[in-house]
Structures are given as structure tokens and as C-alpha cells.
Amino acid sequence: MTETLPPLLLIGCGKMGGAMLAGWREKGLGETIIVDPFATGPFPGATLLRDVAEIPAGFAPAAVILATKPQEAAATLPLQARFAGSAVFVSIMAGKTVAFMQGLLGQGAAVVRAMPNTPAAVRQGFTVAFAAPAVSATQRALADTLLAATGEIAWVEEEGLLDPVTAVSGGGPAYVFLLAELLERAAIEQGIPADLARRMARSTVAGSGALLAASTEDAAQLRKNVTSPKGTTERALAVLMEEAAWPGHISRAIAAATARSRELAG
């Protein structure tokens, strides 16, 4: 495979870091180092190290991808400050602001803050990103390439939007999986065999998502298309659409997640 990516340093290779690495591998990895004391691999085309101190002195990454937990940021970032003169830092840590990261890396550090989601594992992710003023056009283009390797990417000019983005897009897959879980449970309660209930719930959620992605109609219209007047779906939606039920709970859930993202800023 032709190497198309410049040298990369990936700090943390859990589920999201691993999904991003797999996407980069499809593009063609250049020299890539992973630092993660707990990762097991294997990681074809990349070198796994357990400690930052093991990074060769001459290694000069074009991008440092920060994929550790937000709670580990204060201990992890100062160890990467030596790369601040040339590398762009791409952070997928929830809540941690550009100002927080630059406080540990140096005020001139080129930082991109991004929030991907777990469908990145199947290259169907959605990432929203914000670039600090110190990020050059070339560095932003590299960050775009790295983030787009797992799906669609959108850029925003206001960093504060990353908090509700984290609540909606970052956490969104969990809400969808909960819907599948509840549909399966309700089907079983109505007497449908468990194996059929699971297949039906999963296929319904996945198929509806595919239809939504392919359609030019908005979600509200697609919902109406399924809802025959005085039919079974209308009866179910009458329950779900009560203010005390779905709409109110979803709004409160997103507000709670947005608040937690801001709390993580530290």
C-alpha cells in the first residue's frame, strides 16, 4: 500500500482511537506511533509503545491525536508539549477546551478540538470539529483528512457548539441503541419470541437509519409517511409524543449531557 499520510502520534487507542487508526490504515499509514499502556493490538503498520518516554528522540509527527479520557488530560498533555512547535494536536476528548489544552501544551499550540461518534468503527461516523486560530490551513487540511477517514465531518467556527454536539452526536448512538433495546423488550412483552424480537428491533432501527440517510425528506416527514390516520402507528405516537414522555425527556437528556460536557472542561 502506498503511504499517503505523514508521521502520526496517537495517544490512546481505545475503541475510538482504534476506529480512527483503522480508517487511516485504509488511506495508507506513514510512520505511526501509538502510546497506550493498556492496548493489546495487533496494530499492523504502527508501533505500539507503553510510555511517552519510549518515543524516539528524532520522531517528528505532523499530527498528535489525543484520544485519551478527559480525566487523563492534565497528566498526558504536558508530555506532548515538545511537539507543539510543528504538529497539529487533534483532540477527541469530551469537554476539554482549546484554552485548557493550550495551557498545558503552550499558548501557541495548534489545536483542533473534535467530537466523533462510534459509527466511526464502520466508517459511518459523524465528526464535528473546531480549529483554534493557531491552526494553519495545511494543518486544518491534515486534520480534516484524519477525521474524515471514519465518515462525514463538519467544521464549526464557534467552539462552544462542541458541547451540544457532544450531547447530540457523540452520545446519539447510545440513545439509538436504547431505542433498539426498548423495542426488543416491548416485542417480547407482547409475546414475540426473543430471537425474533431482537432481529426485528435491530433491523428496524438500522433500516430506518439507512432510509433517513438516503432520503431528501426531513425526519418529521418520514415519520408522517409511516403514520396512517387512525392507524396503529398513530396510536403509539400519541403516547410517545406526550410532553411528559418522549419529547420532553429527549430535550432534558440533551441538556443534561451538554451541561456535563461543560463540566468536563475543568
Protein backbone atom coordinates (compact mmCIF):
# COMPACT_ATOMS: atom_id res chain seq x y z
CA MET A 1 0.00 0.00 0.00
CA THR A 2 1.32 3.45 -0.89
CA GLU A 3 1.95 5.60 2.17
CA THR A 4 -0.18 8.70 1.90
CA LEU A 5 -0.22 10.02 5.47
CA PRO A 6 2.59 11.88 7.24
CA PRO A 7 4.03 10.68 10.58
CA LEU A 8 1.33 10.39 13.26
CA LEU A 9 1.34 10.04 17.03
CA LEU A 10 -1.80 8.50 18.53
CA ILE A 11 -2.13 8.93 22.28
CA GLY A 12 -4.70 6.37 23.45
CA CYS A 13 -6.01 3.54 21.31
CA GLY A 14 -9.33 2.51 22.79
CA LYS A 15 -12.49 2.00 20.75
CA MET A 16 -12.49 5.42 19.11
CA GLY A 17 -8.73 5.68 18.69
CA GLY A 18 -8.70 2.19 17.21
CA ALA A 19 -11.52 3.05 14.79
CA MET A 20 -9.63 6.12 13.61
CA LEU A 21 -6.44 4.10 13.19
CA ALA A 22 -8.28 1.56 11.04
CA GLY A 23 -9.58 4.36 8.83
CA TRP A 24 -6.09 5.81 8.42
CA ARG A 25 -4.72 2.39 7.56
CA GLU A 26 -7.11 2.23 4.61
CA LYS A 27 -5.65 5.52 3.35
CA GLY A 28 -2.11 4.30 3.83
CA LEU A 29 -0.16 4.74 7.04
CA GLY A 30 3.16 6.51 7.14
CA GLU A 31 5.32 6.29 10.26
CA THR A 32 2.80 5.92 13.07
CA ILE A 33 3.40 5.53 16.79
CA ILE A 34 0.71 4.56 19.32
CA VAL A 35 1.20 5.28 23.01
CA ASP A 36 -1.16 3.31 25.22
CA PRO A 37 -0.18 1.33 28.33
CA PHE A 38 -3.24 -0.92 28.04
CA ALA A 39 -3.69 -1.56 24.31
CA THR A 40 -3.20 -5.14 23.14
CA GLY A 41 -3.15 -4.88 19.35
CA PRO A 42 -2.02 -6.11 16.96
CA PHE A 43 -1.66 -2.83 15.08
CA PRO A 44 -0.29 -3.57 11.59
CA GLY A 45 1.76 -0.73 10.19
CA ALA A 46 2.10 1.06 13.54
CA THR A 47 4.46 0.85 16.50
CA LEU A 48 2.90 0.36 19.93
CA LEU A 49 4.68 1.93 22.90
CA ARG A 50 3.66 1.82 26.55
CA ASP A 51 5.06 5.18 27.63
CA VAL A 52 5.72 8.56 26.04
CA ALA A 53 9.31 8.32 27.25
CA GLU A 54 9.83 5.48 24.74
CA ILE A 55 9.18 7.72 21.72
CA PRO A 56 12.41 8.04 19.69
CA ALA A 57 14.06 11.42 20.09
CA GLY A 58 14.06 12.06 16.33
CA PHE A 59 10.37 11.29 15.78
CA ALA A 60 8.56 14.35 14.43
CA PRO A 61 4.81 13.76 13.99
CA ALA A 62 2.81 16.03 11.75
CA ALA A 63 -0.22 15.37 13.97
CA VAL A 64 -0.69 14.27 17.56
CA ILE A 65 -4.11 12.72 18.08
CA LEU A 66 -5.29 12.95 21.68
CA ALA A 67 -7.70 10.05 22.21
CA THR A 68 -7.38 9.54 25.95
CA LYS A 69 -10.12 10.03 28.54
CA PRO A 70 -10.76 13.66 29.55
CA GLN A 71 -9.81 12.83 33.11
CA GLU A 72 -6.29 11.89 31.93
CA ALA A 73 -5.67 15.15 30.05
CA ALA A 74 -3.87 17.03 32.81
CA ALA A 75 -1.30 14.26 33.18
CA THR A 76 -0.98 13.45 29.48
CA LEU A 77 -0.79 16.75 27.62
CA PRO A 78 2.36 18.26 29.16
CA LEU A 79 4.28 15.21 27.92
CA GLN A 80 3.38 16.16 24.34
CA ALA A 81 4.41 19.82 24.59
CA ARG A 82 7.71 19.16 22.81
CA PHE A 83 5.76 18.61 19.56
CA ALA A 84 3.89 21.94 19.80
CA GLY A 85 6.31 23.73 17.51
CA SER A 86 5.32 21.78 14.42
CA ALA A 87 2.47 19.31 14.98
CA VAL A 88 -1.25 19.92 14.96
CA PHE A 89 -2.97 18.47 18.02
CA VAL A 90 -6.29 16.81 17.22
CA SER A 91 -8.25 16.17 20.41
CA ILE A 92 -11.32 13.94 20.67
CA MET A 93 -11.51 14.35 24.45
CA ALA A 94 -15.00 15.39 25.51
CA GLY A 95 -15.27 18.75 27.23
CA LYS A 96 -11.62 19.77 27.19
CA THR A 97 -11.41 23.24 25.65
CA VAL A 98 -8.76 24.68 23.38
CA ALA A 99 -7.75 27.10 26.14
CA PHE A 100 -7.33 24.22 28.60
CA MET A 101 -5.16 22.27 26.16
CA GLN A 102 -3.05 25.27 25.19
CA GLY A 103 -2.49 25.94 28.87
CA LEU A 104 -0.70 22.58 29.06
CA LEU A 105 0.87 22.47 25.59
CA GLY A 106 1.82 26.13 25.20
CA GLN A 107 -0.28 29.09 24.15
CA GLY A 108 0.90 28.86 20.54
CA ALA A 109 -0.06 25.20 20.13
CA ALA A 110 -2.14 24.42 17.06
CA VAL A 111 -5.18 22.63 18.48
CA VAL A 112 -8.18 21.11 16.73
CA ARG A 113 -10.99 20.03 19.01
CA ALA A 114 -13.24 17.35 17.53
CA MET A 115 -16.13 15.14 18.57
CA PRO A 116 -16.61 11.91 16.57
CA ASN A 117 -19.10 9.16 17.35
CA THR A 118 -18.92 5.38 17.49
CA PRO A 119 -20.30 4.60 14.00
CA ALA A 120 -16.75 5.57 13.02
CA ALA A 121 -15.98 1.89 13.63
CA VAL A 122 -17.86 1.07 10.40
CA ARG A 123 -16.81 4.28 8.58
CA GLN A 124 -20.28 5.76 9.14
CA GLY A 125 -19.27 8.23 11.82
CA PHE A 126 -20.07 11.91 12.08
CA THR A 127 -17.44 14.30 13.44
CA VAL A 128 -17.78 17.98 14.23
CA ALA A 129 -14.53 19.93 14.60
CA PHE A 130 -13.28 23.36 15.62
CA ALA A 131 -9.84 24.75 14.78
CA ALA A 132 -8.05 27.25 17.01
CA PRO A 133 -6.66 30.40 15.32
CA ALA A 134 -3.13 28.99 15.60
CA VAL A 135 -4.01 26.14 13.22
CA SER A 136 -2.66 26.75 9.72
CA ALA A 137 -4.56 25.94 6.55
CA THR A 138 -2.23 22.99 5.93
CA GLN A 139 -2.74 21.67 9.45
CA ARG A 140 -6.51 22.02 9.18
CA ALA A 141 -6.44 20.11 5.90
CA LEU A 142 -4.48 17.30 7.56
CA ALA A 143 -6.91 17.21 10.49
CA ASP A 144 -9.79 17.08 8.01
CA THR A 145 -8.19 14.11 6.24
CA LEU A 146 -7.62 12.25 9.51
CA LEU A 147 -11.12 12.86 10.85
CA ALA A 148 -12.86 12.18 7.53
CA ALA A 149 -11.29 8.71 7.41
CA THR A 150 -14.11 7.43 9.61
CA GLY A 151 -17.09 9.16 7.99
CA GLU A 152 -18.58 12.60 7.50
CA ILE A 153 -17.05 15.73 9.01
CA ALA A 154 -18.37 19.24 9.62
CA TRP A 155 -16.44 22.29 10.88
CA VAL A 156 -17.85 24.98 13.16
CA GLU A 157 -16.48 28.44 13.87
CA GLU A 158 -17.77 28.59 17.47
CA GLU A 159 -16.07 26.27 19.94
CA GLY A 160 -19.00 26.37 22.37
CA LEU A 161 -21.07 24.36 19.90
CA LEU A 162 -18.91 21.33 20.66
CA ASP A 163 -20.75 20.84 23.97
CA PRO A 164 -24.25 20.29 22.48
CA VAL A 165 -22.59 18.40 19.61
CA THR A 166 -21.14 16.04 22.20
CA ALA A 167 -24.61 15.59 23.68
CA VAL A 168 -26.41 15.00 20.37
CA SER A 169 -23.91 13.35 18.03
CA GLY A 170 -21.31 11.98 20.41
CA GLY A 171 -23.88 10.38 22.69
CA GLY A 172 -26.51 9.88 19.98
CA PRO A 173 -25.61 6.27 19.16
CA ALA A 174 -26.33 5.30 22.77
CA TYR A 175 -29.81 6.79 22.52
CA VAL A 176 -30.45 4.90 19.28
CA PHE A 177 -29.19 1.67 20.82
CA LEU A 178 -31.51 2.27 23.77
CA LEU A 179 -34.41 2.56 21.32
CA ALA A 180 -33.48 -0.81 19.81
CA GLU A 181 -33.18 -2.28 23.30
CA LEU A 182 -36.61 -1.00 24.32
CA LEU A 183 -38.26 -2.10 21.09
CA GLU A 184 -36.87 -5.59 21.63
CA ARG A 185 -38.11 -5.67 25.22
CA ALA A 186 -41.58 -4.42 24.27
CA ALA A 187 -41.84 -7.02 21.49
CA ILE A 188 -41.05 -9.80 23.96
CA GLU A 189 -43.68 -8.40 26.34
CA GLN A 190 -46.22 -8.76 23.52
CA GLY A 191 -45.38 -12.43 23.08
CA ILE A 192 -42.86 -12.30 20.22
CA PRO A 193 -40.04 -14.87 20.63
CA ALA A 194 -36.81 -13.32 21.93
CA ASP A 195 -34.66 -14.15 18.90
CA LEU A 196 -37.24 -12.70 16.50
CA ALA A 197 -37.75 -9.66 18.72
CA ARG A 198 -34.02 -8.90 18.60
CA ARG A 199 -33.73 -9.36 14.82
CA MET A 200 -36.81 -7.24 14.24
CA ALA A 201 -35.73 -4.38 16.53
CA ARG A 202 -32.18 -4.22 15.20
CA SER A 203 -33.24 -4.42 11.55
CA THR A 204 -35.96 -1.81 12.03
CA VAL A 205 -33.57 0.70 13.61
CA ALA A 206 -30.79 0.02 11.10
CA GLY A 207 -33.13 0.10 8.10
CA SER A 208 -34.80 3.30 9.26
CA GLY A 209 -31.40 4.93 9.62
CA ALA A 210 -30.47 3.88 6.11
CA LEU A 211 -33.74 5.29 4.75
CA LEU A 212 -33.19 8.54 6.63
CA ALA A 213 -29.66 8.83 5.20
CA ALA A 214 -30.86 8.14 1.65
CA SER A 215 -33.98 10.33 1.70
CA THR A 216 -34.24 14.00 0.76
CA GLU A 217 -37.23 14.38 3.11
CA ASP A 218 -36.70 15.53 6.66
CA ALA A 219 -37.23 13.26 9.64
CA ALA A 220 -40.62 14.74 10.50
CA GLN A 221 -41.97 14.00 7.02
CA LEU A 222 -40.60 10.46 7.06
CA ARG A 223 -42.37 9.93 10.37
CA LYS A 224 -45.62 11.21 8.88
CA ASN A 225 -45.19 8.89 5.88
CA VAL A 226 -45.34 5.90 8.23
CA THR A 227 -48.28 7.23 10.23
CA SER A 228 -51.65 6.33 8.70
CA PRO A 229 -54.60 8.30 10.09
CA LYS A 230 -56.35 6.41 12.89
CA GLY A 231 -53.88 3.54 12.49
CA THR A 232 -51.65 1.62 14.88
CA THR A 233 -48.61 3.90 14.50
CA GLU A 234 -50.71 6.98 15.20
CA ARG A 235 -51.96 5.33 18.40
CA ALA A 236 -48.39 4.58 19.52
CA LEU A 237 -47.13 8.06 18.66
CA ALA A 238 -49.97 9.61 20.65
CA VAL A 239 -48.35 8.03 23.71
CA LEU A 240 -44.76 8.88 22.77
CA MET A 241 -45.47 12.47 21.79
CA GLU A 242 -47.00 13.48 25.10
CA GLU A 243 -44.86 16.22 26.65
CA ALA A 244 -44.25 14.07 29.71
CA ALA A 245 -43.00 11.24 27.52
CA TRP A 246 -40.51 11.32 24.65
CA PRO A 247 -40.13 14.96 23.52
CA GLY A 248 -39.63 16.35 27.00
CA HIS A 249 -37.30 13.56 28.05
CA ILE A 250 -35.12 13.91 24.95
CA SER A 251 -34.77 17.67 25.46
CA ARG A 252 -33.87 17.23 29.11
CA ALA A 253 -31.43 14.42 28.30
CA ILE A 254 -29.56 16.53 25.73
CA ALA A 255 -29.47 19.49 28.11
CA ALA A 256 -28.02 17.27 30.85
CA ALA A 257 -25.35 15.86 28.53
CA THR A 258 -24.43 19.35 27.30
CA ALA A 259 -24.03 20.52 30.90
CA ARG A 260 -21.80 17.55 31.69
CA SER A 261 -19.60 18.33 28.66
CA ARG A 262 -19.08 21.84 30.04
CA GLU A 263 -18.28 20.43 33.47
CA LEU A 264 -15.53 18.28 31.94
CA ALA A 265 -13.77 21.41 30.73
CA GLY A 266 -12.09 21.52 34.12
